[in-house]
Amino acid sequence: MFITEGTFSSSLDSGGRFQFPASLRQLSAQAEGRFVMNMGLEKCITLYPMDEWQLYRQQLSQLNVFRPDQRALVRFFLSSATEVKVDSKNRILIPKHLVQYASLEKDLLIVGMMHFFEIWNPTLYAEDMLQIPTRESAAVYDLAERIHTDLRKGGDR
């Protein structure tokens, strides 16, 4: 199973590629260098190992595309999904439309999200992190409390 956490720095080269961090290369090998990249819900890019992407895709296939909200979610995730591969120099090419979507410049921040990564413009990431306590604060705190309570009870969620 693919598990990652933490933040890692990288940068875009003139060809739109970034170096996969050395500390994550074992995870890249587990994924056989194959990933799916798409738009994240915030102004970032998500990067899924191929096997994890298949699980997310399976979940998306369960949604009812005759409901506008569910159809919009399927469209959002699938319309920008692009298969990418790690090259022989441990680089991944980010498609231009995703570079533009996430406002990526030279410096990148790669955030481990357990089963996938987010790729951020570091400035946008910092701004987003500052908003977490105020963005839908009741929902954020309720979720944090539920996780804490479940852990105390010995639950896995």
C-alpha atoms as a PDB file:
ATOM      1  CA  MET A   1       0.000   0.000   0.000  1.00  0.00           C
ATOM      2  CA  PHE A   2       1.160   3.505  -0.831  1.00  0.00           C
ATOM      3  CA  ILE A   3       1.430   5.825   2.185  1.00  0.00           C
ATOM      4  CA  THR A   4       3.131   9.206   2.286  1.00  0.00           C
ATOM      5  CA  GLU A   5       3.103  12.274   4.482  1.00  0.00           C
ATOM      6  CA  GLY A   6       5.107  15.440   4.951  1.00  0.00           C
ATOM      7  CA  THR A   7       6.134  18.224   2.616  1.00  0.00           C
ATOM      8  CA  PHE A   8       8.922  18.242   0.052  1.00  0.00           C
ATOM      9  CA  SER A   9      10.414  20.993  -2.074  1.00  0.00           C
ATOM     10  CA  SER A  10      11.099  20.775  -5.769  1.00  0.00           C
ATOM     11  CA  SER A  11      11.175  23.137  -8.724  1.00  0.00           C
ATOM     12  CA  LEU A  12       9.965  23.327 -12.303  1.00  0.00           C
ATOM     13  CA  ASP A  13      12.592  23.317 -15.009  1.00  0.00           C
ATOM     14  CA  SER A  14      12.242  25.211 -18.287  1.00  0.00           C
ATOM     15  CA  GLY A  15      10.513  22.190 -19.851  1.00  0.00           C
ATOM     16  CA  GLY A  16       7.752  22.071 -17.209  1.00  0.00           C
ATOM     17  CA  ARG A  17       9.212  19.067 -15.370  1.00  0.00           C
ATOM     18  CA  PHE A  18       9.946  18.673 -11.687  1.00  0.00           C
ATOM     19  CA  GLN A  19      12.365  16.370  -9.935  1.00  0.00           C
ATOM     20  CA  PHE A  20      10.646  13.711  -7.867  1.00  0.00           C
ATOM     21  CA  PRO A  21      12.212  14.161  -4.397  1.00  0.00           C
ATOM     22  CA  ALA A  22      14.896  11.602  -3.543  1.00  0.00           C
ATOM     23  CA  SER A  23      13.092  10.635  -0.332  1.00  0.00           C
ATOM     24  CA  LEU A  24      10.012   9.641  -2.385  1.00  0.00           C
ATOM     25  CA  ARG A  25      11.756   7.575  -5.053  1.00  0.00           C
ATOM     26  CA  GLN A  26      10.941   4.304  -3.320  1.00  0.00           C
ATOM     27  CA  LEU A  27       7.262   5.262  -3.504  1.00  0.00           C
ATOM     28  CA  SER A  28       7.724   6.067  -7.184  1.00  0.00           C
ATOM     29  CA  ALA A  29       9.240   2.622  -7.696  1.00  0.00           C
ATOM     30  CA  GLN A  30       6.225   1.051  -5.948  1.00  0.00           C
ATOM     31  CA  ALA A  31       4.016   2.842  -8.475  1.00  0.00           C
ATOM     32  CA  GLU A  32       6.295   1.666 -11.302  1.00  0.00           C
ATOM     33  CA  GLY A  33       6.736   5.354 -12.147  1.00  0.00           C
ATOM     34  CA  ARG A  34       3.116   5.666 -13.329  1.00  0.00           C
ATOM     35  CA  PHE A  35       0.824   8.345 -11.927  1.00  0.00           C
ATOM     36  CA  VAL A  36      -2.320  10.263 -12.787  1.00  0.00           C
ATOM     37  CA  MET A  37      -2.233  14.013 -12.352  1.00  0.00           C
ATOM     38  CA  ASN A  38      -5.296  16.255 -12.239  1.00  0.00           C
ATOM     39  CA  MET A  39      -6.776  19.418 -10.770  1.00  0.00           C
ATOM     40  CA  GLY A  40      -7.122  19.462  -7.007  1.00  0.00           C
ATOM     41  CA  LEU A  41     -10.133  20.867  -5.196  1.00  0.00           C
ATOM     42  CA  GLU A  42      -8.005  23.792  -4.072  1.00  0.00           C
ATOM     43  CA  LYS A  43      -5.623  25.592  -6.457  1.00  0.00           C
ATOM     44  CA  CYS A  44      -3.176  22.700  -6.561  1.00  0.00           C
ATOM     45  CA  ILE A  45      -2.514  19.589  -8.601  1.00  0.00           C
ATOM     46  CA  THR A  46      -3.127  16.079  -7.306  1.00  0.00           C
ATOM     47  CA  LEU A  47      -0.784  13.233  -8.196  1.00  0.00           C
ATOM     48  CA  TYR A  48      -2.062   9.688  -7.695  1.00  0.00           C
ATOM     49  CA  PRO A  49      -0.056   6.473  -8.095  1.00  0.00           C
ATOM     50  CA  MET A  50      -1.838   4.509 -10.822  1.00  0.00           C
ATOM     51  CA  ASP A  51      -3.232   1.839  -8.466  1.00  0.00           C
ATOM     52  CA  GLU A  52      -4.619   4.492  -6.107  1.00  0.00           C
ATOM     53  CA  TRP A  53      -6.117   6.386  -9.046  1.00  0.00           C
ATOM     54  CA  GLN A  54      -7.939   3.222 -10.101  1.00  0.00           C
ATOM     55  CA  LEU A  55      -9.535   3.072  -6.631  1.00  0.00           C
ATOM     56  CA  TYR A  56     -10.628   6.724  -6.820  1.00  0.00           C
ATOM     57  CA  ARG A  57     -11.928   6.182 -10.331  1.00  0.00           C
ATOM     58  CA  GLN A  58     -13.944   3.205  -9.108  1.00  0.00           C
ATOM     59  CA  GLN A  59     -15.502   5.433  -6.437  1.00  0.00           C
ATOM     60  CA  LEU A  60     -16.322   8.082  -9.046  1.00  0.00           C
ATOM     61  CA  SER A  61     -17.984   5.448 -11.225  1.00  0.00           C
ATOM     62  CA  GLN A  62     -20.458   4.811  -8.399  1.00  0.00           C
ATOM     63  CA  LEU A  63     -21.783   8.386  -8.571  1.00  0.00           C
ATOM     64  CA  ASN A  64     -25.057   9.164 -10.318  1.00  0.00           C
ATOM     65  CA  VAL A  65     -24.213  11.330 -13.357  1.00  0.00           C
ATOM     66  CA  PHE A  66     -27.900  12.239 -13.673  1.00  0.00           C
ATOM     67  CA  ARG A  67     -27.546  14.365 -10.518  1.00  0.00           C
ATOM     68  CA  PRO A  68     -25.942  17.720 -11.404  1.00  0.00           C
ATOM     69  CA  ASP A  69     -23.735  17.880  -8.293  1.00  0.00           C
ATOM     70  CA  GLN A  70     -22.376  14.374  -8.777  1.00  0.00           C
ATOM     71  CA  ARG A  71     -21.930  14.863 -12.531  1.00  0.00           C
ATOM     72  CA  ALA A  72     -19.967  18.063 -11.845  1.00  0.00           C
ATOM     73  CA  LEU A  73     -17.652  16.221  -9.459  1.00  0.00           C
ATOM     74  CA  VAL A  74     -17.011  13.418 -11.962  1.00  0.00           C
ATOM     75  CA  ARG A  75     -16.382  15.982 -14.693  1.00  0.00           C
ATOM     76  CA  PHE A  76     -14.023  17.979 -12.485  1.00  0.00           C
ATOM     77  CA  PHE A  77     -11.818  14.996 -11.647  1.00  0.00           C
ATOM     78  CA  LEU A  78     -11.867  13.176 -14.959  1.00  0.00           C
ATOM     79  CA  SER A  79     -11.637  16.085 -17.407  1.00  0.00           C
ATOM     80  CA  SER A  80      -8.148  17.078 -16.285  1.00  0.00           C
ATOM     81  CA  ALA A  81      -6.833  13.585 -15.488  1.00  0.00           C
ATOM     82  CA  THR A  82      -3.589  12.913 -17.325  1.00  0.00           C
ATOM     83  CA  GLU A  83      -1.338   9.882 -17.043  1.00  0.00           C
ATOM     84  CA  VAL A  84       2.271  10.874 -16.371  1.00  0.00           C
ATOM     85  CA  LYS A  85       5.432   8.820 -15.961  1.00  0.00           C
ATOM     86  CA  VAL A  86       8.624   9.378 -14.063  1.00  0.00           C
ATOM     87  CA  ASP A  87      11.457   9.594 -16.619  1.00  0.00           C
ATOM     88  CA  SER A  88      14.949   8.103 -16.338  1.00  0.00           C
ATOM     89  CA  LYS A  89      16.132  11.237 -14.476  1.00  0.00           C
ATOM     90  CA  ASN A  90      13.296  10.987 -11.909  1.00  0.00           C
ATOM     91  CA  ARG A  91      11.365  13.904 -13.404  1.00  0.00           C
ATOM     92  CA  ILE A  92       7.659  14.260 -14.117  1.00  0.00           C
ATOM     93  CA  LEU A  93       6.257  16.561 -16.789  1.00  0.00           C
ATOM     94  CA  ILE A  94       3.338  18.694 -15.607  1.00  0.00           C
ATOM     95  CA  PRO A  95       0.914  19.488 -18.464  1.00  0.00           C
ATOM     96  CA  LYS A  96       0.652  23.211 -19.195  1.00  0.00           C
ATOM     97  CA  HIS A  97      -3.061  23.424 -18.381  1.00  0.00           C
ATOM     98  CA  LEU A  98      -2.334  22.090 -14.888  1.00  0.00           C
ATOM     99  CA  VAL A  99       0.618  24.454 -14.412  1.00  0.00           C
ATOM    100  CA  GLN A 100      -1.741  27.314 -15.228  1.00  0.00           C
ATOM    101  CA  TYR A 101      -4.581  25.997 -13.051  1.00  0.00           C
ATOM    102  CA  ALA A 102      -2.343  25.770  -9.962  1.00  0.00           C
ATOM    103  CA  SER A 103      -0.445  29.006 -10.751  1.00  0.00           C
ATOM    104  CA  LEU A 104       2.825  27.108 -10.553  1.00  0.00           C
ATOM    105  CA  GLU A 105       6.055  28.977 -10.980  1.00  0.00           C
ATOM    106  CA  LYS A 106       9.609  27.785 -10.395  1.00  0.00           C
ATOM    107  CA  ASP A 107       9.346  26.653  -6.760  1.00  0.00           C
ATOM    108  CA  LEU A 108       6.989  23.791  -5.869  1.00  0.00           C
ATOM    109  CA  LEU A 109       5.803  22.259  -2.647  1.00  0.00           C
ATOM    110  CA  ILE A 110       4.836  18.581  -2.733  1.00  0.00           C
ATOM    111  CA  VAL A 111       2.506  17.549   0.083  1.00  0.00           C
ATOM    112  CA  GLY A 112       1.988  13.909   1.046  1.00  0.00           C
ATOM    113  CA  MET A 113      -1.701  13.158   1.525  1.00  0.00           C
ATOM    114  CA  MET A 114      -1.370   9.495   2.566  1.00  0.00           C
ATOM    115  CA  HIS A 115      -2.479   7.892  -0.716  1.00  0.00           C
ATOM    116  CA  PHE A 116      -1.658  10.710  -3.131  1.00  0.00           C
ATOM    117  CA  PHE A 117       0.290  13.957  -3.386  1.00  0.00           C
ATOM    118  CA  GLU A 118      -0.669  17.576  -3.840  1.00  0.00           C
ATOM    119  CA  ILE A 119       1.624  19.887  -5.804  1.00  0.00           C
ATOM    120  CA  TRP A 120       1.372  23.528  -4.768  1.00  0.00           C
ATOM    121  CA  ASN A 121       2.724  26.948  -5.481  1.00  0.00           C
ATOM    122  CA  PRO A 122       4.309  27.512  -2.010  1.00  0.00           C
ATOM    123  CA  THR A 123       2.728  30.968  -1.656  1.00  0.00           C
ATOM    124  CA  LEU A 124      -0.779  29.638  -2.387  1.00  0.00           C
ATOM    125  CA  TYR A 125      -0.188  26.731   0.007  1.00  0.00           C
ATOM    126  CA  ALA A 126       0.780  29.099   2.828  1.00  0.00           C
ATOM    127  CA  GLU A 127      -2.291  31.250   2.148  1.00  0.00           C
ATOM    128  CA  ASP A 128      -4.556  28.198   2.106  1.00  0.00           C
ATOM    129  CA  MET A 129      -3.115  26.864   5.364  1.00  0.00           C
ATOM    130  CA  LEU A 130      -3.823  30.176   7.097  1.00  0.00           C
ATOM    131  CA  GLN A 131      -7.495  29.925   6.108  1.00  0.00           C
ATOM    132  CA  ILE A 132      -8.123  26.443   7.514  1.00  0.00           C
ATOM    133  CA  PRO A 133      -9.181  27.560  11.018  1.00  0.00           C
ATOM    134  CA  THR A 134     -11.701  30.045   9.574  1.00  0.00           C
ATOM    135  CA  ARG A 135     -12.913  28.189   6.477  1.00  0.00           C
ATOM    136  CA  GLU A 136     -16.064  26.389   7.498  1.00  0.00           C
ATOM    137  CA  SER A 137     -14.602  26.320  10.987  1.00  0.00           C
ATOM    138  CA  ALA A 138     -17.474  24.386  12.558  1.00  0.00           C
ATOM    139  CA  ALA A 139     -17.102  21.587  10.005  1.00  0.00           C
ATOM    140  CA  VAL A 140     -13.297  21.491  10.398  1.00  0.00           C
ATOM    141  CA  TYR A 141     -13.502  21.344  14.185  1.00  0.00           C
ATOM    142  CA  ASP A 142     -16.313  18.767  14.115  1.00  0.00           C
ATOM    143  CA  LEU A 143     -14.228  16.527  11.860  1.00  0.00           C
ATOM    144  CA  ALA A 144     -11.130  16.942  14.042  1.00  0.00           C
ATOM    145  CA  GLU A 145     -13.179  16.084  17.134  1.00  0.00           C
ATOM    146  CA  ARG A 146     -14.703  13.012  15.454  1.00  0.00           C
ATOM    147  CA  ILE A 147     -11.254  11.744  14.429  1.00  0.00           C
ATOM    148  CA  HIS A 148      -9.922  12.316  17.959  1.00  0.00           C
ATOM    149  CA  THR A 149     -12.913  10.526  19.508  1.00  0.00           C
ATOM    150  CA  ASP A 150     -12.631   7.594  17.092  1.00  0.00           C
ATOM    151  CA  LEU A 151      -8.916   7.229  17.832  1.00  0.00           C
ATOM    152  CA  ARG A 152      -9.611   7.216  21.573  1.00  0.00           C
ATOM    153  CA  LYS A 153     -12.147   4.425  21.030  1.00  0.00           C
ATOM    154  CA  GLY A 154      -9.623   2.464  18.990  1.00  0.00           C
ATOM    155  CA  GLY A 155     -11.369   3.080  15.657  1.00  0.00           C
ATOM    156  CA  ASP A 156      -9.502   3.253  12.384  1.00  0.00           C
ATOM    157  CA  ARG A 157     -11.097   6.531  11.221  1.00  0.00           C
END
